[in-house]
Protein backbone atom coordinates (compact mmCIF):
# COMPACT_ATOMS: atom_id res chain seq x y z
CA MET A 1 -16.84 -39.33 -18.73
CA GLN A 2 -16.38 -37.89 -22.07
CA MET A 3 -19.44 -39.63 -23.51
CA ALA A 4 -21.31 -38.14 -20.44
CA LEU A 5 -20.08 -34.71 -20.88
CA ASP A 6 -21.34 -35.10 -24.65
CA LEU A 7 -24.74 -36.29 -23.42
CA ALA A 8 -24.98 -33.10 -20.99
CA LYS A 9 -24.25 -30.93 -23.87
CA LYS A 10 -27.58 -31.97 -25.43
CA GLY A 11 -29.58 -30.13 -22.65
CA GLU A 12 -27.92 -26.80 -23.69
CA GLY A 13 -30.65 -24.02 -23.28
CA PHE A 14 -33.43 -26.25 -21.68
CA THR A 15 -32.20 -27.09 -18.17
CA SER A 16 -31.94 -23.50 -16.69
CA PRO A 17 -31.66 -22.98 -13.93
CA ASN A 18 -30.63 -26.44 -13.33
CA PRO A 19 -27.02 -27.43 -14.70
CA MET A 20 -26.64 -29.69 -17.79
CA VAL A 21 -25.76 -33.15 -16.68
CA GLY A 22 -24.96 -36.37 -18.45
CA ALA A 23 -24.76 -39.93 -17.07
CA VAL A 24 -23.20 -43.24 -18.45
CA ILE A 25 -23.66 -46.77 -16.73
CA VAL A 26 -20.87 -49.27 -17.32
CA LYS A 27 -20.74 -53.05 -16.48
CA ASP A 28 -18.14 -55.57 -17.52
CA GLY A 29 -16.68 -53.11 -20.02
CA ALA A 30 -19.79 -52.34 -21.80
CA VAL A 31 -22.33 -49.38 -21.79
CA ILE A 32 -25.66 -50.46 -20.46
CA GLY A 33 -27.44 -47.23 -19.65
CA LYS A 34 -27.29 -43.58 -20.85
CA GLY A 35 -29.34 -40.42 -19.92
CA TYR A 36 -29.01 -36.62 -19.56
CA HIS A 37 -31.26 -33.89 -18.11
CA ARG A 38 -33.55 -32.66 -20.69
CA ALA A 39 -35.22 -29.90 -18.75
CA ALA A 40 -35.84 -28.18 -15.48
CA GLY A 41 -38.51 -30.24 -13.67
CA GLU A 42 -37.78 -33.40 -15.75
CA PRO A 43 -35.53 -36.50 -14.32
CA HIS A 44 -32.09 -35.99 -13.74
CA ALA A 45 -29.53 -37.61 -15.77
CA GLU A 46 -28.60 -40.28 -13.15
CA VAL A 47 -32.38 -41.57 -13.23
CA ASP A 48 -32.74 -41.44 -16.86
CA ALA A 49 -29.62 -43.74 -17.37
CA ILE A 50 -30.70 -45.95 -14.49
CA ASP A 51 -33.99 -46.44 -15.83
CA THR A 52 -32.55 -47.04 -19.34
CA ALA A 53 -30.24 -49.66 -17.77
CA GLY A 54 -32.96 -51.42 -15.57
CA SER A 55 -31.96 -54.45 -13.49
CA LEU A 56 -28.53 -54.52 -15.01
CA ALA A 57 -27.48 -51.66 -13.21
CA ARG A 58 -26.62 -53.61 -10.11
CA GLY A 59 -23.10 -53.86 -9.49
CA ALA A 60 -22.26 -51.37 -12.22
CA THR A 61 -20.36 -48.20 -12.39
CA LEU A 62 -22.04 -44.95 -12.81
CA TYR A 63 -20.16 -42.01 -14.78
CA VAL A 64 -21.94 -38.68 -14.06
CA THR A 65 -20.71 -35.14 -14.93
CA LEU A 66 -21.86 -33.67 -11.40
CA GLU A 67 -22.09 -34.81 -7.99
CA PRO A 68 -25.56 -36.64 -7.57
CA CYS A 69 -28.05 -34.47 -5.55
CA ASN A 70 -29.04 -35.46 -1.88
CA HIS A 71 -31.99 -33.13 -1.53
CA THR A 72 -35.69 -32.94 -2.69
CA GLY A 73 -36.43 -30.42 -5.32
CA ARG A 74 -38.59 -30.36 -8.17
CA THR A 75 -37.62 -34.07 -8.44
CA PRO A 76 -36.49 -36.76 -5.58
CA PRO A 77 -32.68 -37.13 -4.56
CA CYS A 78 -30.75 -39.20 -7.01
CA THR A 79 -28.89 -40.87 -4.16
CA GLU A 80 -31.86 -42.63 -3.28
CA LYS A 81 -32.17 -43.95 -6.80
CA ILE A 82 -28.41 -44.94 -6.99
CA ILE A 83 -28.71 -46.82 -3.81
CA GLY A 84 -31.89 -48.51 -4.87
CA ALA A 85 -30.34 -49.41 -8.38
CA GLY A 86 -27.54 -51.29 -6.53
CA ILE A 87 -24.78 -49.08 -8.30
CA ARG A 88 -21.31 -50.20 -6.71
CA HIS A 89 -19.13 -47.14 -7.92
CA VAL A 90 -20.01 -43.42 -8.42
CA VAL A 91 -17.53 -41.39 -10.72
CA ALA A 92 -18.29 -37.85 -10.69
CA ALA A 93 -16.43 -35.00 -12.93
CA MET A 94 -17.05 -32.41 -10.20
CA LYS A 95 -18.48 -31.68 -6.80
CA ASP A 96 -21.70 -29.62 -6.63
CA PRO A 97 -20.64 -26.10 -6.56
CA ASN A 98 -23.28 -24.89 -4.01
CA PRO A 99 -21.57 -24.66 -1.04
CA ASP A 100 -24.41 -25.77 1.16
CA VAL A 101 -24.41 -28.97 -0.36
CA LYS A 102 -20.90 -29.58 -2.00
CA GLY A 103 -19.71 -33.07 -1.40
CA GLY A 104 -22.97 -33.91 0.49
CA GLY A 105 -24.10 -36.54 -2.10
CA LEU A 106 -20.99 -38.22 -2.65
CA GLU A 107 -20.52 -38.64 1.31
CA TYR A 108 -23.95 -39.83 1.82
CA LEU A 109 -23.38 -42.48 -1.15
CA LYS A 110 -19.73 -43.50 0.52
CA ASN A 111 -21.32 -43.70 4.08
CA ARG A 112 -23.67 -46.40 2.50
CA GLY A 113 -20.93 -48.65 1.05
CA ILE A 114 -20.46 -47.29 -2.54
CA LYS A 115 -17.28 -46.33 -3.77
CA THR A 116 -16.97 -42.89 -5.08
CA THR A 117 -14.38 -41.11 -7.38
CA VAL A 118 -14.44 -37.60 -8.22
CA GLY A 119 -12.37 -35.06 -10.48
CA ILE A 120 -12.55 -36.85 -13.83
CA CYS A 121 -12.76 -34.33 -16.57
CA GLU A 122 -13.10 -31.81 -13.95
CA ASP A 123 -11.97 -28.86 -15.99
CA HIS A 124 -14.35 -29.71 -18.91
CA ALA A 125 -17.41 -30.39 -16.61
CA LYS A 126 -16.71 -26.62 -15.05
CA ARG A 127 -16.55 -24.84 -18.24
CA LEU A 128 -19.96 -27.10 -19.56
CA ASN A 129 -21.79 -25.51 -16.42
CA GLU A 130 -20.00 -22.13 -16.01
CA PHE A 131 -23.41 -20.44 -16.17
CA PHE A 132 -24.74 -22.58 -13.23
CA ILE A 133 -21.54 -22.45 -11.24
CA LYS A 134 -21.65 -18.61 -11.21
CA PHE A 135 -24.98 -18.22 -10.51
CA THR A 136 -25.18 -20.59 -7.77
CA ARG A 137 -22.06 -19.24 -5.89
CA THR A 138 -23.15 -15.47 -6.32
CA LYS A 139 -26.92 -15.38 -7.29
CA ARG A 140 -25.82 -13.07 -10.35
CA PRO A 141 -25.83 -13.98 -14.15
CA PHE A 142 -22.69 -15.51 -15.95
CA THR A 143 -22.17 -12.51 -18.58
CA ILE A 144 -20.95 -13.13 -21.99
CA LEU A 145 -19.85 -9.99 -24.10
CA LYS A 146 -20.11 -10.75 -27.84
CA CYS A 147 -19.23 -8.43 -30.81
CA ALA A 148 -18.51 -8.62 -34.44
CA ALA A 149 -16.00 -6.35 -36.20
CA THR A 150 -13.79 -5.43 -39.16
CA LEU A 151 -10.18 -6.25 -39.09
CA ASP A 152 -9.65 -2.35 -38.00
CA GLY A 153 -12.01 -2.72 -34.94
CA ARG A 154 -15.24 -1.46 -36.24
CA ILE A 155 -18.64 -2.82 -35.63
CA ALA A 156 -20.33 -0.71 -38.25
CA THR A 157 -19.88 2.15 -40.70
CA LYS A 158 -20.28 5.80 -39.97
CA SER A 159 -24.03 5.45 -41.32
CA GLY A 160 -24.64 2.84 -38.67
CA ASP A 161 -24.71 -0.02 -41.32
CA SER A 162 -23.56 -3.49 -39.65
CA LYS A 163 -25.46 -5.61 -42.00
CA TRP A 164 -23.58 -8.03 -42.23
CA VAL A 165 -20.13 -7.77 -40.57
CA THR A 166 -19.63 -11.54 -40.59
CA GLY A 167 -20.84 -14.35 -42.60
CA GLU A 168 -23.67 -16.77 -42.04
CA ALA A 169 -21.50 -19.44 -40.53
CA ALA A 170 -20.55 -16.96 -37.54
CA ARG A 171 -24.08 -15.62 -37.29
CA GLU A 172 -25.44 -19.06 -36.87
CA PHE A 173 -23.10 -19.80 -34.16
CA VAL A 174 -24.47 -16.47 -32.15
CA HIS A 175 -27.85 -17.83 -32.58
CA ARG A 176 -27.06 -21.13 -30.86
CA LEU A 177 -25.42 -19.00 -28.27
CA ARG A 178 -28.89 -17.08 -27.84
CA HIS A 179 -30.57 -20.27 -27.47
CA ALA A 180 -27.96 -21.35 -24.70
CA VAL A 181 -28.56 -18.37 -22.60
CA ASP A 182 -31.43 -17.08 -20.54
CA ALA A 183 -31.08 -13.35 -21.55
CA ILE A 184 -29.72 -10.79 -24.08
CA MET A 185 -28.87 -7.32 -23.41
CA VAL A 186 -28.53 -4.24 -25.68
CA GLY A 187 -28.56 -0.49 -25.48
CA ILE A 188 -31.53 1.75 -26.72
CA ASN A 189 -29.22 3.00 -29.55
CA THR A 190 -28.90 -0.44 -31.01
CA VAL A 191 -32.67 -0.71 -30.90
CA GLU A 192 -33.19 2.59 -32.74
CA LYS A 193 -30.56 1.84 -35.64
CA ASP A 194 -31.24 -1.72 -36.25
CA ASN A 195 -34.81 -2.35 -34.81
CA PRO A 196 -33.67 -5.97 -34.19
CA SER A 197 -35.79 -8.83 -32.94
CA LEU A 198 -33.05 -10.31 -30.43
CA THR A 199 -34.65 -13.75 -31.01
CA THR A 200 -33.16 -17.16 -31.74
CA ARG A 201 -33.24 -18.14 -35.38
CA LEU A 202 -31.31 -21.41 -36.18
CA VAL A 203 -31.12 -22.68 -39.77
CA SER A 204 -29.03 -25.79 -39.16
CA ARG A 205 -30.84 -27.83 -36.69
CA PRO A 206 -32.52 -31.36 -36.26
CA LYS A 207 -36.13 -31.52 -37.37
CA ASP A 208 -37.22 -32.12 -34.04
CA PHE A 209 -35.23 -29.54 -32.53
CA LYS A 210 -37.22 -26.32 -30.82
CA SER A 211 -34.94 -23.38 -30.10
CA LEU A 212 -35.71 -20.96 -27.27
CA ASP A 213 -35.65 -17.22 -27.18
CA PRO A 214 -33.67 -15.61 -24.41
CA THR A 215 -35.41 -12.91 -22.42
CA ARG A 216 -34.71 -9.33 -24.16
CA ILE A 217 -33.31 -6.68 -21.82
CA ILE A 218 -33.12 -3.28 -23.10
CA LEU A 219 -31.12 -0.41 -21.70
CA ASP A 220 -33.36 2.53 -22.03
CA THR A 221 -32.89 5.19 -19.06
CA HIS A 222 -35.10 7.80 -20.63
CA LEU A 223 -37.56 5.34 -22.08
CA ARG A 224 -36.96 6.36 -25.76
CA ILE A 225 -37.94 3.18 -27.45
CA SER A 226 -40.52 3.61 -30.25
CA GLU A 227 -43.90 2.05 -29.85
CA ALA A 228 -43.44 0.41 -33.43
CA ALA A 229 -40.61 -1.24 -32.44
CA LYS A 230 -40.29 -4.95 -33.47
CA LEU A 231 -39.14 -5.77 -29.88
CA LEU A 232 -42.94 -4.72 -28.57
CA ARG A 233 -44.41 -6.61 -31.42
CA LEU A 234 -42.95 -10.23 -31.31
CA HIS A 235 -44.54 -13.53 -31.21
CA SER A 236 -42.15 -14.98 -28.67
CA ASP A 237 -42.61 -17.30 -25.41
CA SER A 238 -39.86 -15.06 -23.73
CA ASP A 239 -40.19 -11.77 -22.01
CA THR A 240 -38.90 -8.18 -23.08
CA ILE A 241 -37.72 -5.96 -20.32
CA LEU A 242 -37.09 -2.52 -20.80
CA VAL A 243 -34.75 -1.08 -18.03
CA THR A 244 -35.09 2.56 -17.05
CA GLY A 245 -34.09 5.22 -14.85
CA PRO A 246 -36.64 6.38 -11.99
CA SER A 247 -37.88 9.51 -14.10
CA VAL A 248 -39.71 8.60 -17.08
CA SER A 249 -43.37 9.28 -18.51
CA ASN A 250 -45.99 7.52 -16.82
CA ASP A 251 -48.25 7.78 -19.69
CA LYS A 252 -45.49 6.12 -22.26
CA LYS A 253 -44.92 3.58 -19.46
CA ALA A 254 -48.62 2.40 -19.46
CA ARG A 255 -48.75 2.40 -23.23
CA ILE A 256 -45.48 0.37 -23.43
CA GLU A 257 -46.67 -1.95 -20.91
CA LYS A 258 -49.82 -2.57 -22.70
CA THR A 259 -47.70 -4.52 -25.41
CA GLY A 260 -46.61 -7.07 -22.80
CA ALA A 261 -43.20 -5.56 -22.15
CA ARG A 262 -41.85 -5.25 -18.77
CA ILE A 263 -40.42 -2.23 -17.24
CA ILE A 264 -38.31 -2.01 -14.28
CA GLU A 265 -36.52 0.86 -12.80
CA SER A 266 -32.95 0.82 -12.02
CA PRO A 267 -30.70 2.80 -9.82
CA LEU A 268 -28.49 5.26 -11.82
CA LYS A 269 -24.63 5.81 -11.58
CA ASP A 270 -23.52 9.16 -13.31
CA GLY A 271 -26.86 9.41 -14.96
CA ARG A 272 -26.81 6.09 -16.60
CA ILE A 273 -28.08 2.72 -15.48
CA ASP A 274 -25.82 0.99 -12.92
CA LEU A 275 -24.78 -2.17 -14.53
CA ASP A 276 -23.43 -3.70 -11.50
CA ARG A 277 -26.68 -3.20 -9.38
CA LEU A 278 -28.72 -4.53 -12.29
CA MET A 279 -27.07 -7.90 -12.18
CA ASP A 280 -28.55 -8.32 -8.63
CA ARG A 281 -31.59 -7.44 -9.92
CA LEU A 282 -31.71 -9.76 -13.05
CA GLY A 283 -30.32 -12.65 -10.61
CA SER A 284 -33.27 -12.01 -8.42
CA PHE A 285 -35.49 -12.80 -11.58
CA GLY A 286 -33.52 -16.20 -11.85
CA ILE A 287 -31.57 -15.08 -14.82
CA THR A 288 -28.61 -17.27 -14.65
CA SER A 289 -26.72 -16.43 -17.86
CA LEU A 290 -26.73 -13.01 -20.08
CA LEU A 291 -25.32 -12.13 -23.59
CA ILE A 292 -24.45 -8.60 -24.16
CA GLU A 293 -24.51 -7.64 -27.72
CA GLY A 294 -24.07 -4.04 -27.76
CA GLY A 295 -23.68 -1.42 -28.82
CA SER A 296 -20.02 -0.04 -28.38
CA ARG A 297 -21.44 2.13 -25.44
CA VAL A 298 -22.71 -0.86 -23.82
CA VAL A 299 -19.69 -2.77 -24.40
CA ALA A 300 -17.53 -0.22 -22.66
CA SER A 301 -19.83 0.23 -19.93
CA ALA A 302 -20.07 -3.59 -19.29
CA LEU A 303 -16.41 -3.83 -19.20
CA SER A 304 -16.05 -0.58 -17.16
CA ALA A 305 -18.35 -2.10 -14.53
CA GLY A 306 -16.59 -5.44 -14.11
CA ILE A 307 -19.52 -7.52 -14.76
CA VAL A 308 -18.25 -9.36 -17.84
CA GLU A 309 -16.84 -13.01 -17.22
CA LYS A 310 -16.53 -14.22 -20.90
CA ILE A 311 -15.57 -12.32 -24.30
CA ILE A 312 -16.55 -13.57 -27.88
CA PHE A 313 -15.21 -11.43 -30.54
CA PHE A 314 -15.65 -12.06 -33.97
CA PHE A 315 -13.25 -10.47 -36.80
CA ALA A 316 -14.31 -10.50 -40.53
CA PRO A 317 -11.91 -10.17 -43.34
CA LYS A 318 -12.82 -6.56 -44.07
CA ILE A 319 -11.13 -3.38 -43.34
CA LEU A 320 -13.21 -0.37 -43.08
CA GLY A 321 -10.23 2.03 -44.11
CA GLY A 322 -11.04 5.02 -41.93
CA ASP A 323 -11.55 6.44 -38.36
CA ASP A 324 -14.99 7.41 -38.86
CA GLY A 325 -16.85 4.16 -38.28
CA ILE A 326 -18.45 2.85 -34.84
CA PRO A 327 -15.62 1.27 -32.62
CA ILE A 328 -15.91 -1.91 -30.47
CA CYS A 329 -15.88 0.46 -27.47
CA LYS A 330 -16.85 4.04 -27.32
CA GLY A 331 -15.64 6.51 -24.58
CA PRO A 332 -12.37 6.68 -22.70
CA GLY A 333 -10.17 3.58 -22.32
CA ALA A 334 -6.78 2.70 -20.63
CA ASP A 335 -3.86 5.35 -20.46
CA THR A 336 -1.31 2.66 -20.92
CA MET A 337 -1.16 -0.98 -22.18
CA ASP A 338 -0.44 -2.16 -18.65
CA ARG A 339 -3.64 -0.93 -17.72
CA CYS A 340 -5.64 -2.72 -20.38
CA ILE A 341 -8.14 -5.49 -19.37
CA PRO A 342 -6.25 -8.77 -19.50
CA VAL A 343 -7.91 -11.63 -21.14
CA LYS A 344 -7.02 -15.45 -20.46
CA ASP A 345 -7.80 -18.97 -21.69
CA ILE A 346 -7.85 -17.83 -25.23
CA HIS A 347 -9.47 -20.05 -27.80
CA VAL A 348 -9.52 -19.27 -31.67
CA ARG A 349 -11.88 -20.94 -34.10
CA ARG A 350 -12.77 -20.10 -37.70
CA PHE A 351 -16.18 -19.73 -39.29
CA GLY A 352 -15.51 -19.69 -42.94
CA ASP A 353 -13.38 -16.75 -43.24
CA ASP A 354 -14.52 -15.27 -39.97
CA ILE A 355 -12.26 -15.63 -36.92
CA MET A 356 -13.73 -15.98 -33.46
CA ILE A 357 -11.49 -15.12 -30.32
CA GLN A 358 -13.06 -16.42 -27.09
CA GLY A 359 -11.61 -15.93 -23.54
CA TYR A 360 -11.99 -15.01 -20.12
CA ILE A 361 -11.57 -11.63 -18.46
CA ASP A 362 -8.83 -12.01 -15.85
CA HIS A 363 -10.14 -9.98 -12.95
CA ASN A 364 -7.55 -10.88 -10.58
CA SER A 365 -4.83 -9.34 -12.95
CA ILE A 366 -6.60 -5.93 -13.06
CA PRO A 367 -4.69 -3.40 -10.95
CA ALA A 368 -6.98 -2.21 -8.29
CA ASP A 369 -6.11 1.24 -8.85
CA THR A 370 -6.94 1.13 -12.69
CA PRO A 371 -9.11 4.39 -13.43
CA LYS A 372 -12.47 3.32 -14.81
CA PRO A 373 -14.11 5.52 -17.47
CA ASP A 374 -17.51 6.83 -17.04
CA GLY A 375 -20.48 3.96 -17.71
CA ILE A 376 -22.49 5.13 -20.98
CA GLN A 377 -25.37 2.98 -22.40
CA ASP A 378 -27.48 5.09 -24.51
């Protein structure tokens, strides 16, 4: 199963809105077939592995990281392929998270005389496909909050300089993360200060590996973006979406749309973009995963709105040495420590001298009566 999970990981960034799935076929103690889902619309992992094994698959055991599908989508059901190949035992890491089909594939196989086992390396499989699981159950994107700061918690100096807080290895990891997600979101202040591209630029990659750019989402309530911004002049296969309030200049809107960017109006809350309702809108576009990269007001707003599932904080071995830099979060926070936002399942990793702290927001442990600060994005 670990081999199957490693194979599944190869599809990262390419399979959305489908899950990453890997499959291994074993017979008489030997691996006779391997496969993984390479991209949406292409053969599923089980089909890939069975085609590799050929006639040797008869009487073999199939290890797969997700319950085989029993419905026809862009490809035929994998259950029929498994039955036709003569597989005698199917071992799945986890059931399909879709409540409408959960268990159906395994039950279908079991009723046709094929032995089934489920739950092997289940936790690993669920983490691998956390984007897919969240989106399947809620139709909202799985949201990651990323930031890079000095040891004293500043993401930029008082002049706005943030190049670079962390080193090349940490930045390379972030670009791999950009490749993995469907969309990236920042506020208009970040665009005005940094004029970013928000593309994926991987240095360490195989020669035949083509990274993907995420859809770029800019929170711009009043449509302040400069018409000369890099985001409006990119050669990229992905879209740029500007999220505005209802009262913006129609003339400027028309000029911006001529660049190819898309403008969507979103409901406001306290005069700012309502991030909670925006998640429903992004989900309706088929965006299964979202990376929030700042700035500090967007970070605070996202945490306040309760839309963040996962945090990735980088800390560089630098000390700004003053209180006039730009903090990770901007705006009012908790009054007492027991009102802070709890983070669980912590994982720590080094990239050179930089430290990454990764964890998950423990929404169940946040007191229901905790006052939330006003959402501020730009």
